Amino acid sequence: MDGPTEQMRTVAQVGAYALTLPGGYLTYPFDSTTAAYKVVGKIFVLASDAGTTVSLKCDPYWGRTLRHEHPSITPGYHLNKQHWITVDLALGFTATGPSALSDDLVADLVDQSHTLVVAGLSRRARAGLGARPDAGSTPGPTG
């Protein structure tokens, strides 16, 4: 990832970034305030329009590491706790020191969530997004 061109400090900013990823689109399948950013019908970002948190699919190992390093990152709220994380943007960007979130980290988390979801799609669906049909390696921590 080259890094976001904008800040990633609000749900709206994260959502706008999610829409720039291949095949990304916005739906409201649960209610009028819970945004689900999807690719080929699969959610990769879940967020409340009125809140400060986003939930993202995450590699289990990386998720454990992130939860240990950042108090603002917790197991996925009402989601599979092993494969999803919830990021409190308000808490994370007001933190100081090594536990603070950065725009690049949040963008990377969105990218990784998208990558994990795309990797689980059929070969045909991946090809339709321009992904290599054999793409599917599990992403891990990045700098």
N, C-alpha and C. Protein backbone atom coordinates (compact mmCIF):
# COMPACT_ATOMS: atom_id res chain seq x y z
N MET A 1 0.83 -1.18 0.00
CA MET A 1 0.00 0.00 0.00
C MET A 1 0.88 1.24 0.00
N ASP A 2 0.47 2.21 -0.77
CA ASP A 2 1.22 3.46 -0.85
C ASP A 2 0.81 4.44 0.24
N GLY A 3 -0.22 4.15 0.99
CA GLY A 3 -0.68 5.04 2.04
C GLY A 3 -1.90 5.82 1.58
N PRO A 4 -2.72 6.20 2.52
CA PRO A 4 -3.93 6.91 2.16
C PRO A 4 -3.62 8.33 1.72
N THR A 5 -4.47 8.87 0.87
CA THR A 5 -4.30 10.25 0.45
C THR A 5 -5.04 11.18 1.41
N GLU A 6 -5.87 10.61 2.28
CA GLU A 6 -6.63 11.39 3.25
C GLU A 6 -6.44 10.80 4.64
N GLN A 7 -6.92 11.51 5.61
CA GLN A 7 -6.90 10.99 6.96
C GLN A 7 -7.89 9.84 7.09
N MET A 8 -7.66 8.97 8.06
CA MET A 8 -8.49 7.79 8.29
C MET A 8 -9.03 7.82 9.73
N ARG A 9 -9.42 9.00 10.20
CA ARG A 9 -9.76 9.19 11.60
C ARG A 9 -11.25 9.11 11.92
N THR A 10 -12.09 9.04 10.91
CA THR A 10 -13.53 8.94 11.14
C THR A 10 -14.10 7.77 10.35
N VAL A 11 -15.29 7.34 10.75
CA VAL A 11 -15.97 6.27 10.03
C VAL A 11 -16.18 6.69 8.57
N ALA A 12 -16.56 7.93 8.34
CA ALA A 12 -16.79 8.41 6.97
C ALA A 12 -15.51 8.36 6.14
N GLN A 13 -14.38 8.72 6.72
CA GLN A 13 -13.11 8.68 5.99
C GLN A 13 -12.70 7.25 5.68
N VAL A 14 -12.90 6.34 6.64
CA VAL A 14 -12.58 4.93 6.40
C VAL A 14 -13.50 4.38 5.31
N GLY A 15 -14.78 4.73 5.37
CA GLY A 15 -15.73 4.29 4.36
C GLY A 15 -15.38 4.79 2.97
N ALA A 16 -15.01 6.05 2.88
CA ALA A 16 -14.62 6.62 1.58
C ALA A 16 -13.42 5.87 1.02
N TYR A 17 -12.47 5.52 1.88
CA TYR A 17 -11.30 4.77 1.43
C TYR A 17 -11.72 3.36 0.97
N ALA A 18 -12.60 2.71 1.72
CA ALA A 18 -13.06 1.36 1.37
C ALA A 18 -13.68 1.35 -0.03
N LEU A 19 -14.36 2.42 -0.39
CA LEU A 19 -15.01 2.50 -1.69
C LEU A 19 -14.01 2.64 -2.84
N THR A 20 -12.76 2.98 -2.54
CA THR A 20 -11.74 3.10 -3.59
C THR A 20 -11.10 1.75 -3.93
N LEU A 21 -11.35 0.74 -3.10
CA LEU A 21 -10.74 -0.57 -3.33
C LEU A 21 -11.51 -1.33 -4.42
N PRO A 22 -10.84 -2.20 -5.16
CA PRO A 22 -11.50 -2.89 -6.28
C PRO A 22 -12.79 -3.59 -5.87
N GLY A 23 -13.87 -3.23 -6.54
CA GLY A 23 -15.16 -3.86 -6.29
C GLY A 23 -15.90 -3.39 -5.05
N GLY A 24 -15.33 -2.45 -4.31
CA GLY A 24 -15.94 -1.99 -3.06
C GLY A 24 -17.22 -1.20 -3.30
N TYR A 25 -18.24 -1.52 -2.51
CA TYR A 25 -19.50 -0.77 -2.57
C TYR A 25 -20.15 -0.77 -1.20
N LEU A 26 -21.10 0.13 -1.02
CA LEU A 26 -21.75 0.36 0.27
C LEU A 26 -23.18 -0.14 0.26
N THR A 27 -23.57 -0.85 1.33
CA THR A 27 -24.96 -1.27 1.51
C THR A 27 -25.35 -1.04 2.97
N TYR A 28 -26.64 -1.10 3.23
CA TYR A 28 -27.19 -1.00 4.58
C TYR A 28 -28.12 -2.20 4.80
N PRO A 29 -27.56 -3.42 4.95
CA PRO A 29 -28.41 -4.62 5.02
C PRO A 29 -29.10 -4.84 6.37
N PHE A 30 -28.65 -4.19 7.42
CA PHE A 30 -29.17 -4.45 8.76
C PHE A 30 -30.15 -3.39 9.23
N ASP A 31 -29.81 -2.14 9.03
CA ASP A 31 -30.66 -1.01 9.41
C ASP A 31 -30.16 0.22 8.66
N SER A 32 -30.76 1.36 8.93
CA SER A 32 -30.42 2.56 8.16
C SER A 32 -29.15 3.26 8.63
N THR A 33 -28.50 2.76 9.68
CA THR A 33 -27.28 3.43 10.16
C THR A 33 -26.05 2.53 10.18
N THR A 34 -26.22 1.23 9.94
CA THR A 34 -25.08 0.32 9.96
C THR A 34 -24.60 0.08 8.53
N ALA A 35 -23.46 0.69 8.22
CA ALA A 35 -22.89 0.61 6.88
C ALA A 35 -22.08 -0.68 6.73
N ALA A 36 -22.32 -1.37 5.63
CA ALA A 36 -21.55 -2.57 5.30
C ALA A 36 -20.87 -2.32 3.96
N TYR A 37 -19.55 -2.26 3.99
CA TYR A 37 -18.77 -2.09 2.76
C TYR A 37 -18.44 -3.50 2.30
N LYS A 38 -18.82 -3.79 1.06
CA LYS A 38 -18.72 -5.15 0.55
C LYS A 38 -17.92 -5.21 -0.73
N VAL A 39 -17.48 -6.43 -1.04
CA VAL A 39 -16.91 -6.76 -2.33
C VAL A 39 -17.54 -8.09 -2.73
N VAL A 40 -18.16 -8.14 -3.89
CA VAL A 40 -18.86 -9.33 -4.39
C VAL A 40 -19.76 -9.94 -3.31
N GLY A 41 -20.52 -9.09 -2.63
CA GLY A 41 -21.50 -9.56 -1.65
C GLY A 41 -20.95 -9.93 -0.29
N LYS A 42 -19.66 -9.80 -0.08
CA LYS A 42 -19.03 -10.15 1.20
C LYS A 42 -18.55 -8.89 1.91
N ILE A 43 -18.88 -8.78 3.20
CA ILE A 43 -18.51 -7.60 3.99
C ILE A 43 -17.01 -7.62 4.31
N PHE A 44 -16.37 -6.46 4.13
CA PHE A 44 -14.99 -6.31 4.58
C PHE A 44 -14.82 -5.16 5.56
N VAL A 45 -15.79 -4.24 5.64
CA VAL A 45 -15.81 -3.19 6.66
C VAL A 45 -17.25 -3.04 7.13
N LEU A 46 -17.43 -3.03 8.44
CA LEU A 46 -18.74 -2.83 9.03
C LEU A 46 -18.63 -1.66 9.99
N ALA A 47 -19.55 -0.69 9.89
CA ALA A 47 -19.44 0.50 10.73
C ALA A 47 -20.80 1.13 10.95
N SER A 48 -20.95 1.77 12.10
CA SER A 48 -22.16 2.53 12.38
C SER A 48 -21.91 3.97 11.95
N ASP A 49 -22.80 4.52 11.14
CA ASP A 49 -22.65 5.90 10.68
C ASP A 49 -22.56 6.88 11.84
N ALA A 50 -23.20 6.56 12.96
CA ALA A 50 -23.24 7.47 14.11
C ALA A 50 -22.11 7.20 15.11
N GLY A 51 -21.33 6.17 14.89
CA GLY A 51 -20.31 5.78 15.86
C GLY A 51 -18.90 6.16 15.47
N THR A 52 -17.97 5.63 16.25
CA THR A 52 -16.55 5.91 16.00
C THR A 52 -15.77 4.61 15.79
N THR A 53 -16.48 3.49 15.62
CA THR A 53 -15.79 2.21 15.45
C THR A 53 -16.04 1.61 14.08
N VAL A 54 -15.05 0.86 13.62
CA VAL A 54 -15.17 0.07 12.40
C VAL A 54 -14.72 -1.34 12.72
N SER A 55 -15.39 -2.31 12.13
CA SER A 55 -14.99 -3.71 12.29
C SER A 55 -14.45 -4.20 10.96
N LEU A 56 -13.36 -4.96 11.05
CA LEU A 56 -12.62 -5.40 9.87
C LEU A 56 -12.21 -6.86 10.02
N LYS A 57 -12.21 -7.58 8.92
CA LYS A 57 -11.68 -8.94 8.93
C LYS A 57 -10.17 -8.84 9.10
N CYS A 58 -9.60 -9.78 9.85
CA CYS A 58 -8.17 -9.69 10.16
C CYS A 58 -7.59 -11.09 10.36
N ASP A 59 -6.37 -11.27 9.91
CA ASP A 59 -5.65 -12.52 10.16
C ASP A 59 -5.60 -12.74 11.68
N PRO A 60 -5.93 -13.94 12.16
CA PRO A 60 -5.98 -14.16 13.62
C PRO A 60 -4.69 -13.81 14.35
N TYR A 61 -3.55 -14.18 13.80
CA TYR A 61 -2.28 -13.87 14.47
C TYR A 61 -2.06 -12.37 14.55
N TRP A 62 -2.26 -11.69 13.44
CA TRP A 62 -2.08 -10.24 13.40
C TRP A 62 -3.08 -9.56 14.34
N GLY A 63 -4.31 -10.07 14.36
CA GLY A 63 -5.33 -9.51 15.24
C GLY A 63 -4.93 -9.58 16.70
N ARG A 64 -4.37 -10.71 17.12
CA ARG A 64 -3.90 -10.84 18.52
C ARG A 64 -2.79 -9.83 18.81
N THR A 65 -1.88 -9.69 17.88
CA THR A 65 -0.77 -8.73 18.05
C THR A 65 -1.31 -7.31 18.15
N LEU A 66 -2.21 -6.95 17.27
CA LEU A 66 -2.78 -5.60 17.28
C LEU A 66 -3.54 -5.32 18.58
N ARG A 67 -4.32 -6.29 19.05
CA ARG A 67 -5.08 -6.10 20.29
C ARG A 67 -4.13 -5.93 21.48
N HIS A 68 -2.99 -6.59 21.44
CA HIS A 68 -2.01 -6.46 22.51
C HIS A 68 -1.34 -5.08 22.48
N GLU A 69 -1.08 -4.56 21.30
CA GLU A 69 -0.36 -3.29 21.16
C GLU A 69 -1.24 -2.05 21.21
N HIS A 70 -2.53 -2.19 20.90
CA HIS A 70 -3.41 -1.03 20.79
C HIS A 70 -4.70 -1.25 21.59
N PRO A 71 -4.87 -0.57 22.70
CA PRO A 71 -6.11 -0.70 23.48
C PRO A 71 -7.36 -0.33 22.69
N SER A 72 -7.20 0.42 21.62
CA SER A 72 -8.35 0.83 20.81
C SER A 72 -8.78 -0.27 19.82
N ILE A 73 -8.04 -1.37 19.77
CA ILE A 73 -8.40 -2.49 18.90
C ILE A 73 -8.82 -3.66 19.78
N THR A 74 -10.04 -4.13 19.58
CA THR A 74 -10.62 -5.19 20.39
C THR A 74 -11.15 -6.30 19.47
N PRO A 75 -11.49 -7.46 20.06
CA PRO A 75 -12.11 -8.50 19.22
C PRO A 75 -13.37 -7.96 18.56
N GLY A 76 -13.72 -8.48 17.40
CA GLY A 76 -14.86 -8.00 16.63
C GLY A 76 -16.14 -7.99 17.44
N TYR A 77 -16.79 -6.84 17.48
CA TYR A 77 -18.03 -6.67 18.23
C TYR A 77 -19.16 -7.38 17.49
N HIS A 78 -19.77 -8.35 18.14
CA HIS A 78 -20.85 -9.17 17.57
C HIS A 78 -20.41 -9.90 16.30
N LEU A 79 -19.13 -10.22 16.21
CA LEU A 79 -18.58 -10.93 15.06
C LEU A 79 -17.67 -12.05 15.57
N ASN A 80 -17.18 -12.87 14.66
CA ASN A 80 -16.24 -13.93 15.02
C ASN A 80 -14.99 -13.28 15.63
N LYS A 81 -14.77 -13.51 16.91
CA LYS A 81 -13.69 -12.84 17.65
C LYS A 81 -12.30 -13.23 17.16
N GLN A 82 -12.19 -14.36 16.48
CA GLN A 82 -10.89 -14.79 15.98
C GLN A 82 -10.53 -14.12 14.67
N HIS A 83 -11.52 -13.88 13.82
CA HIS A 83 -11.26 -13.39 12.47
C HIS A 83 -11.64 -11.93 12.23
N TRP A 84 -12.19 -11.26 13.24
CA TRP A 84 -12.60 -9.87 13.09
C TRP A 84 -12.09 -9.04 14.25
N ILE A 85 -11.76 -7.79 13.97
CA ILE A 85 -11.38 -6.84 15.01
C ILE A 85 -12.28 -5.62 14.90
N THR A 86 -12.44 -4.92 16.02
CA THR A 86 -13.14 -3.65 16.02
C THR A 86 -12.15 -2.58 16.44
N VAL A 87 -12.09 -1.51 15.67
CA VAL A 87 -11.15 -0.42 15.90
C VAL A 87 -11.93 0.81 16.33
N ASP A 88 -11.63 1.31 17.53
CA ASP A 88 -12.25 2.55 18.02
C ASP A 88 -11.36 3.70 17.56
N LEU A 89 -11.79 4.36 16.50
CA LEU A 89 -10.98 5.44 15.91
C LEU A 89 -10.79 6.61 16.86
N ALA A 90 -11.84 6.98 17.58
CA ALA A 90 -11.75 8.12 18.51
C ALA A 90 -10.72 7.83 19.60
N LEU A 91 -10.79 6.65 20.18
CA LEU A 91 -9.84 6.27 21.24
C LEU A 91 -8.42 6.14 20.69
N GLY A 92 -8.29 5.51 19.54
CA GLY A 92 -6.98 5.25 18.96
C GLY A 92 -6.23 6.48 18.52
N PHE A 93 -6.94 7.47 18.02
CA PHE A 93 -6.27 8.68 17.55
C PHE A 93 -6.04 9.70 18.66
N THR A 94 -6.65 9.50 19.83
CA THR A 94 -6.35 10.37 20.96
C THR A 94 -5.28 9.76 21.85
N ALA A 95 -4.96 8.49 21.63
CA ALA A 95 -3.90 7.84 22.41
C ALA A 95 -2.56 8.45 22.03
N THR A 96 -1.60 8.30 22.93
CA THR A 96 -0.25 8.79 22.66
C THR A 96 0.73 7.63 22.74
N GLY A 97 1.90 7.84 22.20
CA GLY A 97 2.93 6.81 22.26
C GLY A 97 2.67 5.68 21.27
N PRO A 98 3.27 4.53 21.54
CA PRO A 98 3.20 3.42 20.59
C PRO A 98 1.81 2.82 20.45
N SER A 99 0.89 3.10 21.38
CA SER A 99 -0.45 2.53 21.26
C SER A 99 -1.38 3.39 20.40
N ALA A 100 -0.92 4.55 19.95
CA ALA A 100 -1.73 5.43 19.10
C ALA A 100 -1.89 4.82 17.71
N LEU A 101 -3.04 5.04 17.11
CA LEU A 101 -3.27 4.62 15.74
C LEU A 101 -2.66 5.64 14.79
N SER A 102 -2.35 5.19 13.59
CA SER A 102 -1.90 6.11 12.53
C SER A 102 -2.83 5.93 11.33
N ASP A 103 -2.89 6.95 10.49
CA ASP A 103 -3.70 6.86 9.28
C ASP A 103 -3.24 5.68 8.43
N ASP A 104 -1.93 5.48 8.33
CA ASP A 104 -1.40 4.38 7.53
C ASP A 104 -1.81 3.02 8.09
N LEU A 105 -1.79 2.86 9.42
CA LEU A 105 -2.19 1.58 10.01
C LEU A 105 -3.65 1.30 9.72
N VAL A 106 -4.53 2.27 9.89
CA VAL A 106 -5.95 2.05 9.64
C VAL A 106 -6.18 1.72 8.16
N ALA A 107 -5.52 2.43 7.26
CA ALA A 107 -5.64 2.12 5.83
C ALA A 107 -5.15 0.71 5.54
N ASP A 108 -4.06 0.32 6.18
CA ASP A 108 -3.51 -1.03 6.00
C ASP A 108 -4.50 -2.08 6.49
N LEU A 109 -5.16 -1.80 7.61
CA LEU A 109 -6.16 -2.74 8.14
C LEU A 109 -7.33 -2.90 7.16
N VAL A 110 -7.77 -1.80 6.55
CA VAL A 110 -8.84 -1.87 5.56
C VAL A 110 -8.36 -2.67 4.35
N ASP A 111 -7.15 -2.39 3.89
CA ASP A 111 -6.58 -3.13 2.75
C ASP A 111 -6.50 -4.62 3.05
N GLN A 112 -6.02 -4.96 4.23
CA GLN A 112 -5.87 -6.37 4.59
C GLN A 112 -7.22 -7.06 4.70
N SER A 113 -8.23 -6.37 5.23
CA SER A 113 -9.57 -6.93 5.32
C SER A 113 -10.10 -7.22 3.91
N HIS A 114 -9.93 -6.27 3.02
CA HIS A 114 -10.36 -6.44 1.63
C HIS A 114 -9.63 -7.63 1.01
N THR A 115 -8.32 -7.72 1.22
CA THR A 115 -7.52 -8.81 0.66
C THR A 115 -8.00 -10.16 1.17
N LEU A 116 -8.28 -10.27 2.46
CA LEU A 116 -8.76 -11.53 3.02
C LEU A 116 -10.10 -11.94 2.43
N VAL A 117 -10.99 -10.99 2.29
CA VAL A 117 -12.31 -11.30 1.72
C VAL A 117 -12.17 -11.70 0.25
N VAL A 118 -11.39 -10.96 -0.52
CA VAL A 118 -11.18 -11.30 -1.93
C VAL A 118 -10.54 -12.68 -2.06
N ALA A 119 -9.61 -13.02 -1.18
CA ALA A 119 -8.95 -14.32 -1.24
C ALA A 119 -9.95 -15.46 -1.05
N GLY A 120 -11.03 -15.21 -0.33
CA GLY A 120 -12.04 -16.23 -0.10
C GLY A 120 -13.08 -16.34 -1.20
N LEU A 121 -13.01 -15.48 -2.19
CA LEU A 121 -13.96 -15.51 -3.29
C LEU A 121 -13.60 -16.61 -4.28
N SER A 122 -14.53 -16.96 -5.12
CA SER A 122 -14.25 -17.95 -6.17
C SER A 122 -13.23 -17.39 -7.15
N ARG A 123 -12.60 -18.28 -7.87
CA ARG A 123 -11.61 -17.89 -8.88
C ARG A 123 -12.26 -16.95 -9.90
N ARG A 124 -13.47 -17.25 -10.28
CA ARG A 124 -14.19 -16.43 -11.27
C ARG A 124 -14.44 -15.02 -10.72
N ALA A 125 -14.88 -14.93 -9.46
CA ALA A 125 -15.15 -13.62 -8.85
C ALA A 125 -13.86 -12.81 -8.72
N ARG A 126 -12.78 -13.47 -8.31
CA ARG A 126 -11.49 -12.77 -8.20
C ARG A 126 -11.03 -12.24 -9.56
N ALA A 127 -11.20 -13.07 -10.58
CA ALA A 127 -10.78 -12.65 -11.93
C ALA A 127 -11.60 -11.45 -12.38
N GLY A 128 -12.86 -11.40 -12.00
CA GLY A 128 -13.71 -10.28 -12.35
C GLY A 128 -13.27 -8.98 -11.69
N LEU A 129 -12.55 -9.08 -10.59
CA LEU A 129 -12.04 -7.89 -9.90
C LEU A 129 -10.65 -7.50 -10.39
N GLY A 130 -10.07 -8.31 -11.25
CA GLY A 130 -8.73 -8.02 -11.73
C GLY A 130 -7.66 -8.66 -10.86
N ALA A 131 -8.08 -9.46 -9.86
CA ALA A 131 -7.11 -10.15 -9.01
C ALA A 131 -6.60 -11.39 -9.75
N ARG A 132 -5.38 -11.80 -9.45
CA ARG A 132 -4.86 -13.03 -10.00
C ARG A 132 -5.75 -14.18 -9.52
N PRO A 133 -6.13 -15.12 -10.38
CA PRO A 133 -6.98 -16.22 -9.95
C PRO A 133 -6.37 -17.04 -8.82
N ASP A 134 -5.04 -17.10 -8.71
CA ASP A 134 -4.43 -17.88 -7.64
C ASP A 134 -4.12 -17.04 -6.41
N ALA A 135 -4.51 -15.77 -6.41
CA ALA A 135 -4.27 -14.92 -5.24
C ALA A 135 -5.03 -15.48 -4.07
N GLY A 136 -4.42 -15.49 -2.92
CA GLY A 136 -5.11 -16.04 -1.77
C GLY A 136 -4.18 -16.24 -0.60
N SER A 137 -2.97 -15.76 -0.70
CA SER A 137 -2.07 -15.89 0.44
C SER A 137 -2.59 -15.02 1.58
N THR A 138 -2.44 -15.51 2.79
CA THR A 138 -2.93 -14.80 3.95
C THR A 138 -2.00 -13.65 4.28
N PRO A 139 -2.53 -12.42 4.36
CA PRO A 139 -1.69 -11.28 4.70
C PRO A 139 -1.28 -11.32 6.15
N GLY A 140 -0.17 -10.76 6.45
CA GLY A 140 0.30 -10.70 7.83
C GLY A 140 0.69 -9.29 8.20
N PRO A 141 1.32 -9.14 9.32
CA PRO A 141 1.69 -7.81 9.76
C PRO A 141 2.65 -7.14 8.79
N THR A 142 2.42 -5.87 8.62
CA THR A 142 3.32 -5.07 7.80
C THR A 142 3.76 -3.87 8.62
N GLY A 143 4.88 -3.30 8.21
CA GLY A 143 5.47 -2.18 8.93
C GLY A 143 4.64 -1.03 9.03
